[in-house]
N, C-alpha and C. Protein backbone atom coordinates (compact mmCIF):
# COMPACT_ATOMS: atom_id res chain seq x y z
N UNK A 1 0.14 -40.44 1.13
CA UNK A 1 -0.23 -39.15 0.55
C UNK A 1 -0.79 -38.21 1.61
N UNK A 2 -1.46 -38.74 2.62
CA UNK A 2 -2.03 -37.89 3.66
C UNK A 2 -0.94 -37.19 4.46
N UNK A 3 0.22 -37.81 4.56
CA UNK A 3 1.33 -37.21 5.28
C UNK A 3 1.77 -35.89 4.66
N UNK A 4 1.85 -35.87 3.31
CA UNK A 4 2.25 -34.64 2.62
C UNK A 4 1.18 -33.56 2.75
N UNK A 5 -0.07 -33.97 2.70
CA UNK A 5 -1.15 -33.00 2.85
C UNK A 5 -1.09 -32.35 4.23
N UNK A 6 -0.90 -33.14 5.24
CA UNK A 6 -0.78 -32.61 6.60
C UNK A 6 0.44 -31.70 6.72
N UNK A 7 1.55 -32.13 6.15
CA UNK A 7 2.78 -31.33 6.18
C UNK A 7 2.54 -29.95 5.57
N UNK A 8 1.93 -29.90 4.38
CA UNK A 8 1.74 -28.62 3.71
C UNK A 8 0.68 -27.77 4.41
N UNK A 9 -0.29 -28.38 5.05
CA UNK A 9 -1.26 -27.61 5.83
C UNK A 9 -0.55 -26.93 7.01
N UNK A 10 0.33 -27.68 7.67
CA UNK A 10 1.08 -27.11 8.80
C UNK A 10 1.99 -25.99 8.32
N UNK A 11 2.65 -26.20 7.19
CA UNK A 11 3.53 -25.16 6.63
C UNK A 11 2.72 -23.92 6.28
N UNK A 12 1.58 -24.10 5.64
CA UNK A 12 0.73 -22.97 5.25
C UNK A 12 0.24 -22.19 6.47
N UNK A 13 -0.26 -22.88 7.46
CA UNK A 13 -0.77 -22.23 8.66
C UNK A 13 0.36 -21.53 9.42
N UNK A 14 1.51 -22.17 9.50
CA UNK A 14 2.66 -21.57 10.19
C UNK A 14 3.12 -20.30 9.51
N UNK A 15 3.25 -20.34 8.19
CA UNK A 15 3.71 -19.14 7.48
C UNK A 15 2.67 -18.02 7.56
N UNK A 16 1.39 -18.37 7.53
CA UNK A 16 0.35 -17.35 7.66
C UNK A 16 0.41 -16.71 9.05
N UNK A 17 0.65 -17.52 10.07
CA UNK A 17 0.74 -16.99 11.43
C UNK A 17 1.97 -16.08 11.58
N UNK A 18 3.09 -16.51 11.05
CA UNK A 18 4.31 -15.69 11.12
C UNK A 18 4.10 -14.38 10.36
N UNK A 19 3.47 -14.45 9.18
CA UNK A 19 3.20 -13.25 8.41
C UNK A 19 2.31 -12.29 9.20
N UNK A 20 1.28 -12.81 9.86
CA UNK A 20 0.38 -11.97 10.65
C UNK A 20 1.13 -11.30 11.79
N UNK A 21 1.97 -12.06 12.49
CA UNK A 21 2.74 -11.49 13.60
C UNK A 21 3.71 -10.41 13.12
N UNK A 22 4.39 -10.68 12.03
CA UNK A 22 5.34 -9.69 11.49
C UNK A 22 4.59 -8.44 11.03
N UNK A 23 3.45 -8.62 10.41
CA UNK A 23 2.66 -7.47 9.95
C UNK A 23 2.24 -6.59 11.12
N UNK A 24 1.80 -7.20 12.20
CA UNK A 24 1.41 -6.43 13.37
C UNK A 24 2.62 -5.72 13.97
N UNK A 25 3.74 -6.41 14.06
CA UNK A 25 4.95 -5.80 14.62
C UNK A 25 5.41 -4.61 13.79
N UNK A 26 5.37 -4.75 12.48
CA UNK A 26 5.79 -3.65 11.60
C UNK A 26 4.81 -2.48 11.70
N UNK A 27 3.53 -2.77 11.77
CA UNK A 27 2.53 -1.70 11.88
C UNK A 27 2.69 -0.93 13.19
N UNK A 28 2.87 -1.65 14.29
CA UNK A 28 3.04 -0.99 15.59
C UNK A 28 4.34 -0.18 15.60
N UNK A 29 5.42 -0.77 15.11
CA UNK A 29 6.69 -0.04 15.06
C UNK A 29 6.63 1.18 14.17
N UNK A 30 5.96 1.05 13.04
CA UNK A 30 5.81 2.18 12.13
C UNK A 30 4.99 3.30 12.75
N UNK A 31 3.94 2.92 13.46
CA UNK A 31 3.11 3.92 14.12
C UNK A 31 3.92 4.68 15.16
N UNK A 32 4.74 3.95 15.93
CA UNK A 32 5.59 4.61 16.93
C UNK A 32 6.59 5.55 16.26
N UNK A 33 7.17 5.13 15.15
CA UNK A 33 8.14 5.96 14.45
C UNK A 33 7.49 7.24 13.91
N UNK A 34 6.31 7.12 13.34
CA UNK A 34 5.61 8.30 12.81
C UNK A 34 5.25 9.24 13.95
N UNK A 35 4.78 8.68 15.06
CA UNK A 35 4.44 9.49 16.23
C UNK A 35 5.66 10.25 16.73
N UNK A 36 6.80 9.57 16.83
CA UNK A 36 8.04 10.21 17.27
C UNK A 36 8.50 11.27 16.27
N UNK A 37 8.36 10.99 14.98
CA UNK A 37 8.73 11.96 13.95
C UNK A 37 7.90 13.23 14.08
N UNK A 38 6.60 13.07 14.24
CA UNK A 38 5.74 14.25 14.37
C UNK A 38 6.06 15.03 15.64
N UNK A 39 6.37 14.33 16.72
CA UNK A 39 6.75 15.01 17.97
C UNK A 39 8.04 15.79 17.75
N UNK A 40 9.00 15.19 17.07
CA UNK A 40 10.28 15.84 16.81
C UNK A 40 10.09 17.08 15.94
N UNK A 41 9.27 16.97 14.92
CA UNK A 41 9.01 18.13 14.05
C UNK A 41 8.36 19.26 14.83
N UNK A 42 7.40 18.91 15.69
CA UNK A 42 6.74 19.93 16.51
C UNK A 42 7.73 20.62 17.44
N UNK A 43 8.63 19.85 18.06
CA UNK A 43 9.63 20.44 18.95
C UNK A 43 10.56 21.37 18.19
N UNK A 44 11.00 20.96 17.01
CA UNK A 44 11.87 21.81 16.20
C UNK A 44 11.15 23.08 15.79
N UNK A 45 9.88 22.96 15.45
CA UNK A 45 9.09 24.12 15.06
C UNK A 45 8.93 25.09 16.24
N UNK A 46 8.66 24.52 17.41
CA UNK A 46 8.52 25.35 18.62
C UNK A 46 9.82 26.06 18.95
N UNK A 47 10.96 25.35 18.81
CA UNK A 47 12.27 25.96 19.08
C UNK A 47 12.57 27.08 18.11
N UNK A 48 12.23 26.89 16.84
CA UNK A 48 12.50 27.94 15.85
C UNK A 48 11.62 29.16 16.10
N UNK A 49 10.41 28.95 16.59
CA UNK A 49 9.53 30.07 16.93
C UNK A 49 10.09 30.86 18.10
N UNK A 50 10.65 30.15 19.10
CA UNK A 50 11.22 30.83 20.26
C UNK A 50 12.47 31.63 19.87
N UNK A 51 13.27 31.10 18.97
CA UNK A 51 14.49 31.79 18.54
C UNK A 51 14.18 33.04 17.72
N UNK A 52 13.09 33.00 16.97
CA UNK A 52 12.78 34.15 16.10
C UNK A 52 12.14 35.30 16.86
N UNK A 53 11.75 35.06 18.11
CA UNK A 53 11.11 36.14 18.87
C UNK A 53 12.11 36.98 19.61
């Protein structure tokens, strides 16, 4: 019975670690995407201001 307990502890810890790593990767990637989106919007806004003058 101890073998199954150890197995499920390893599975639980492994999945929690993978979840944590994926969460960090998604958060960092999302932050970069939002930053790039805002930069792109600012550039388009600046270009439209230059064209209207």
